[in-house]
């Protein structure tokens, strides 16, 4: 495969939406493939994180699938089946379900969340290979400004 050289002037004229879309799909695919190699899915990890009082959950209380979908609305993908993913975690003993159909993180689930989180630095390192932190920060600042220019919120 050959890589076409594009001049800086040509790059400056390229549509940001195209490149952010290409980057998003590639980054998600890479991350999910690395997680699959370790035996879990990104939605499973998100479920554990959203139910852990030591992570995203503000109180460690159980949540229904509907509440979890709402909590994950900014990053869940259309193809993610939280019901099926949660069932896998229930079968593993990482989640339990109560009479009100709320999912709760078990002690084993909390240990698994901590173990799975240890994979994140290696994934990040692989994605950031050859990218100086200064360049990365500049890129994120530019993306945030593009979002603001488009009328969005860059929190």
C-alpha atoms as a PDB file:
ATOM      1  CA  UNK A   1       0.000   0.000   0.000  1.00  0.00           C
ATOM      2  CA  UNK A   2       1.346   3.398  -0.904  1.00  0.00           C
ATOM      3  CA  UNK A   3       0.711   6.544   1.049  1.00  0.00           C
ATOM      4  CA  UNK A   4      -0.022   9.596  -1.029  1.00  0.00           C
ATOM      5  CA  UNK A   5       1.868  12.696   0.086  1.00  0.00           C
ATOM      6  CA  UNK A   6      -0.447  15.639   0.619  1.00  0.00           C
ATOM      7  CA  UNK A   7       0.964  19.141   0.954  1.00  0.00           C
ATOM      8  CA  UNK A   8       0.174  21.291   3.959  1.00  0.00           C
ATOM      9  CA  UNK A   9      -1.791  23.615   1.676  1.00  0.00           C
ATOM     10  CA  UNK A  10      -3.896  20.684   0.453  1.00  0.00           C
ATOM     11  CA  UNK A  11      -4.382  19.438   4.012  1.00  0.00           C
ATOM     12  CA  UNK A  12      -5.550  22.896   5.095  1.00  0.00           C
ATOM     13  CA  UNK A  13      -8.366  22.650   2.544  1.00  0.00           C
ATOM     14  CA  UNK A  14      -9.534  19.197   3.611  1.00  0.00           C
ATOM     15  CA  UNK A  15     -12.923  18.920   5.376  1.00  0.00           C
ATOM     16  CA  UNK A  16     -12.546  18.436   9.142  1.00  0.00           C
ATOM     17  CA  UNK A  17     -15.783  16.455   9.309  1.00  0.00           C
ATOM     18  CA  UNK A  18     -14.393  13.838   6.946  1.00  0.00           C
ATOM     19  CA  UNK A  19     -11.168  13.379   8.912  1.00  0.00           C
ATOM     20  CA  UNK A  20     -12.839  13.382  12.318  1.00  0.00           C
ATOM     21  CA  UNK A  21     -15.250  10.715  11.074  1.00  0.00           C
ATOM     22  CA  UNK A  22     -12.435   8.575   9.683  1.00  0.00           C
ATOM     23  CA  UNK A  23     -10.469   9.018  12.907  1.00  0.00           C
ATOM     24  CA  UNK A  24     -13.477   8.176  15.091  1.00  0.00           C
ATOM     25  CA  UNK A  25     -14.207   4.930  13.261  1.00  0.00           C
ATOM     26  CA  UNK A  26     -10.557   3.856  13.222  1.00  0.00           C
ATOM     27  CA  UNK A  27      -9.995   4.654  16.906  1.00  0.00           C
ATOM     28  CA  UNK A  28     -13.164   2.868  18.022  1.00  0.00           C
ATOM     29  CA  UNK A  29     -12.352  -0.181  15.880  1.00  0.00           C
ATOM     30  CA  UNK A  30      -8.795  -0.326  17.242  1.00  0.00           C
ATOM     31  CA  UNK A  31      -9.905   0.063  20.856  1.00  0.00           C
ATOM     32  CA  UNK A  32     -12.656  -2.534  20.545  1.00  0.00           C
ATOM     33  CA  UNK A  33     -10.322  -5.014  18.863  1.00  0.00           C
ATOM     34  CA  UNK A  34      -7.771  -4.684  21.692  1.00  0.00           C
ATOM     35  CA  UNK A  35     -10.529  -5.151  24.269  1.00  0.00           C
ATOM     36  CA  UNK A  36     -11.882  -8.204  22.430  1.00  0.00           C
ATOM     37  CA  UNK A  37      -8.384  -9.715  22.535  1.00  0.00           C
ATOM     38  CA  UNK A  38      -8.636  -9.447  26.335  1.00  0.00           C
ATOM     39  CA  UNK A  39     -12.090 -11.076  26.404  1.00  0.00           C
ATOM     40  CA  UNK A  40     -14.466  -8.181  26.934  1.00  0.00           C
ATOM     41  CA  UNK A  41     -16.324  -5.525  24.972  1.00  0.00           C
ATOM     42  CA  UNK A  42     -16.327  -1.770  25.278  1.00  0.00           C
ATOM     43  CA  UNK A  43     -20.046  -1.717  26.245  1.00  0.00           C
ATOM     44  CA  UNK A  44     -19.362  -4.293  28.982  1.00  0.00           C
ATOM     45  CA  UNK A  45     -16.622  -2.075  30.381  1.00  0.00           C
ATOM     46  CA  UNK A  46     -18.945   0.944  30.235  1.00  0.00           C
ATOM     47  CA  UNK A  47     -21.633  -0.976  32.132  1.00  0.00           C
ATOM     48  CA  UNK A  48     -19.159  -1.814  34.894  1.00  0.00           C
ATOM     49  CA  UNK A  49     -17.903   1.781  35.010  1.00  0.00           C
ATOM     50  CA  UNK A  50     -21.392   3.288  35.123  1.00  0.00           C
ATOM     51  CA  UNK A  51     -22.388   1.036  38.025  1.00  0.00           C
ATOM     52  CA  UNK A  52     -19.219   1.522  40.082  1.00  0.00           C
ATOM     53  CA  UNK A  53     -19.207   4.142  42.814  1.00  0.00           C
ATOM     54  CA  UNK A  54     -15.426   4.143  42.348  1.00  0.00           C
ATOM     55  CA  UNK A  55     -15.771   5.285  38.746  1.00  0.00           C
ATOM     56  CA  UNK A  56     -18.617   6.983  36.856  1.00  0.00           C
ATOM     57  CA  UNK A  57     -21.581   6.221  39.134  1.00  0.00           C
ATOM     58  CA  UNK A  58     -22.203   9.041  41.595  1.00  0.00           C
ATOM     59  CA  UNK A  59     -23.648   6.738  44.243  1.00  0.00           C
ATOM     60  CA  UNK A  60     -23.037   3.103  43.282  1.00  0.00           C
ATOM     61  CA  UNK A  61     -26.773   2.466  43.086  1.00  0.00           C
ATOM     62  CA  UNK A  62     -28.232  -0.022  40.646  1.00  0.00           C
ATOM     63  CA  UNK A  63     -29.665   1.175  37.371  1.00  0.00           C
ATOM     64  CA  UNK A  64     -32.117  -0.154  34.822  1.00  0.00           C
ATOM     65  CA  UNK A  65     -30.992  -0.707  31.239  1.00  0.00           C
ATOM     66  CA  UNK A  66     -32.972   2.364  30.249  1.00  0.00           C
ATOM     67  CA  UNK A  67     -31.153   4.463  32.844  1.00  0.00           C
ATOM     68  CA  UNK A  68     -27.818   3.057  31.700  1.00  0.00           C
ATOM     69  CA  UNK A  69     -28.595   3.839  28.046  1.00  0.00           C
ATOM     70  CA  UNK A  70     -29.456   7.401  29.072  1.00  0.00           C
ATOM     71  CA  UNK A  71     -26.230   7.710  31.075  1.00  0.00           C
ATOM     72  CA  UNK A  72     -24.236   6.502  28.065  1.00  0.00           C
ATOM     73  CA  UNK A  73     -26.100   8.478  25.429  1.00  0.00           C
ATOM     74  CA  UNK A  74     -23.078  10.565  24.403  1.00  0.00           C
ATOM     75  CA  UNK A  75     -20.855   7.563  23.621  1.00  0.00           C
ATOM     76  CA  UNK A  76     -22.912   4.418  23.077  1.00  0.00           C
ATOM     77  CA  UNK A  77     -23.106   3.281  19.472  1.00  0.00           C
ATOM     78  CA  UNK A  78     -26.279   2.270  17.649  1.00  0.00           C
ATOM     79  CA  UNK A  79     -25.080  -1.328  17.293  1.00  0.00           C
ATOM     80  CA  UNK A  80     -24.368  -1.723  21.030  1.00  0.00           C
ATOM     81  CA  UNK A  81     -26.881  -4.099  22.616  1.00  0.00           C
ATOM     82  CA  UNK A  82     -26.712  -3.265  26.316  1.00  0.00           C
ATOM     83  CA  UNK A  83     -29.249  -5.956  27.237  1.00  0.00           C
ATOM     84  CA  UNK A  84     -27.107  -8.695  25.682  1.00  0.00           C
ATOM     85  CA  UNK A  85     -23.896  -7.208  27.099  1.00  0.00           C
ATOM     86  CA  UNK A  86     -25.413  -6.971  30.576  1.00  0.00           C
ATOM     87  CA  UNK A  87     -26.571 -10.577  30.376  1.00  0.00           C
ATOM     88  CA  UNK A  88     -22.989 -11.699  29.715  1.00  0.00           C
ATOM     89  CA  UNK A  89     -21.877  -9.781  32.810  1.00  0.00           C
ATOM     90  CA  UNK A  90     -24.677 -11.312  34.909  1.00  0.00           C
ATOM     91  CA  UNK A  91     -23.593 -14.775  33.737  1.00  0.00           C
ATOM     92  CA  UNK A  92     -20.001 -13.970  34.710  1.00  0.00           C
ATOM     93  CA  UNK A  93     -21.170 -12.899  38.162  1.00  0.00           C
ATOM     94  CA  UNK A  94     -19.987  -9.316  37.632  1.00  0.00           C
ATOM     95  CA  UNK A  95     -23.524  -7.897  37.767  1.00  0.00           C
ATOM     96  CA  UNK A  96     -26.712  -8.952  39.512  1.00  0.00           C
ATOM     97  CA  UNK A  97     -30.308  -8.007  38.716  1.00  0.00           C
ATOM     98  CA  UNK A  98     -32.869  -7.192  41.405  1.00  0.00           C
ATOM     99  CA  UNK A  99     -36.666  -7.589  41.415  1.00  0.00           C
ATOM    100  CA  UNK A 100     -37.065  -4.093  39.894  1.00  0.00           C
ATOM    101  CA  UNK A 101     -34.803  -5.118  36.983  1.00  0.00           C
ATOM    102  CA  UNK A 102     -31.999  -2.860  38.182  1.00  0.00           C
ATOM    103  CA  UNK A 103     -28.443  -3.994  37.548  1.00  0.00           C
ATOM    104  CA  UNK A 104     -25.938  -3.884  40.395  1.00  0.00           C
ATOM    105  CA  UNK A 105     -22.189  -4.263  40.354  1.00  0.00           C
ATOM    106  CA  UNK A 106     -20.893  -7.208  42.390  1.00  0.00           C
ATOM    107  CA  UNK A 107     -17.582  -7.370  44.245  1.00  0.00           C
ATOM    108  CA  UNK A 108     -16.280  -9.611  41.447  1.00  0.00           C
ATOM    109  CA  UNK A 109     -17.526  -7.026  38.952  1.00  0.00           C
ATOM    110  CA  UNK A 110     -15.665  -4.250  40.736  1.00  0.00           C
ATOM    111  CA  UNK A 111     -12.471  -6.324  40.705  1.00  0.00           C
ATOM    112  CA  UNK A 112     -13.013  -7.004  36.997  1.00  0.00           C
ATOM    113  CA  UNK A 113     -13.548  -3.273  36.312  1.00  0.00           C
ATOM    114  CA  UNK A 114     -10.246  -2.470  37.997  1.00  0.00           C
ATOM    115  CA  UNK A 115      -8.471  -5.254  36.069  1.00  0.00           C
ATOM    116  CA  UNK A 116      -9.974  -4.203  32.725  1.00  0.00           C
ATOM    117  CA  UNK A 117      -9.058  -0.560  33.328  1.00  0.00           C
ATOM    118  CA  UNK A 118      -5.418  -1.633  33.418  1.00  0.00           C
ATOM    119  CA  UNK A 119      -5.643  -2.246  29.648  1.00  0.00           C
ATOM    120  CA  UNK A 120      -6.365   1.409  28.867  1.00  0.00           C
ATOM    121  CA  UNK A 121      -2.783   2.745  29.151  1.00  0.00           C
ATOM    122  CA  UNK A 122      -1.467   0.209  26.614  1.00  0.00           C
ATOM    123  CA  UNK A 123      -4.284   1.028  24.192  1.00  0.00           C
ATOM    124  CA  UNK A 124      -3.612   4.745  24.609  1.00  0.00           C
ATOM    125  CA  UNK A 125       0.138   4.247  24.158  1.00  0.00           C
ATOM    126  CA  UNK A 126      -0.389   2.322  20.918  1.00  0.00           C
ATOM    127  CA  UNK A 127      -2.725   4.993  19.557  1.00  0.00           C
ATOM    128  CA  UNK A 128      -0.415   7.836  20.589  1.00  0.00           C
ATOM    129  CA  UNK A 129       2.751   6.232  19.209  1.00  0.00           C
ATOM    130  CA  UNK A 130       4.739   8.827  17.280  1.00  0.00           C
ATOM    131  CA  UNK A 131       2.561  11.696  18.512  1.00  0.00           C
ATOM    132  CA  UNK A 132       4.140  14.225  20.820  1.00  0.00           C
ATOM    133  CA  UNK A 133       1.910  15.280  23.743  1.00  0.00           C
ATOM    134  CA  UNK A 134       2.230  18.904  22.600  1.00  0.00           C
ATOM    135  CA  UNK A 135       0.883  17.993  19.150  1.00  0.00           C
ATOM    136  CA  UNK A 136      -1.911  15.977  20.729  1.00  0.00           C
ATOM    137  CA  UNK A 137      -2.930  18.876  22.969  1.00  0.00           C
ATOM    138  CA  UNK A 138      -2.909  21.215  19.972  1.00  0.00           C
ATOM    139  CA  UNK A 139      -5.098  18.787  18.034  1.00  0.00           C
ATOM    140  CA  UNK A 140      -7.621  18.540  20.863  1.00  0.00           C
ATOM    141  CA  UNK A 141      -7.705  22.332  21.206  1.00  0.00           C
ATOM    142  CA  UNK A 142      -8.332  22.678  17.477  1.00  0.00           C
ATOM    143  CA  UNK A 143     -11.117  20.081  17.607  1.00  0.00           C
ATOM    144  CA  UNK A 144     -12.732  21.842  20.558  1.00  0.00           C
ATOM    145  CA  UNK A 145     -12.656  25.136  18.659  1.00  0.00           C
ATOM    146  CA  UNK A 146     -14.192  23.472  15.596  1.00  0.00           C
ATOM    147  CA  UNK A 147     -16.984  22.174  17.828  1.00  0.00           C
ATOM    148  CA  UNK A 148     -17.588  25.665  19.258  1.00  0.00           C
ATOM    149  CA  UNK A 149     -17.499  27.178  15.763  1.00  0.00           C
ATOM    150  CA  UNK A 150     -20.159  24.686  14.711  1.00  0.00           C
ATOM    151  CA  UNK A 151     -22.372  25.766  17.610  1.00  0.00           C
ATOM    152  CA  UNK A 152     -21.657  22.765  19.802  1.00  0.00           C
ATOM    153  CA  UNK A 153     -20.431  22.510  23.332  1.00  0.00           C
ATOM    154  CA  UNK A 154     -16.803  21.520  23.847  1.00  0.00           C
ATOM    155  CA  UNK A 155     -16.826  20.520  27.499  1.00  0.00           C
END
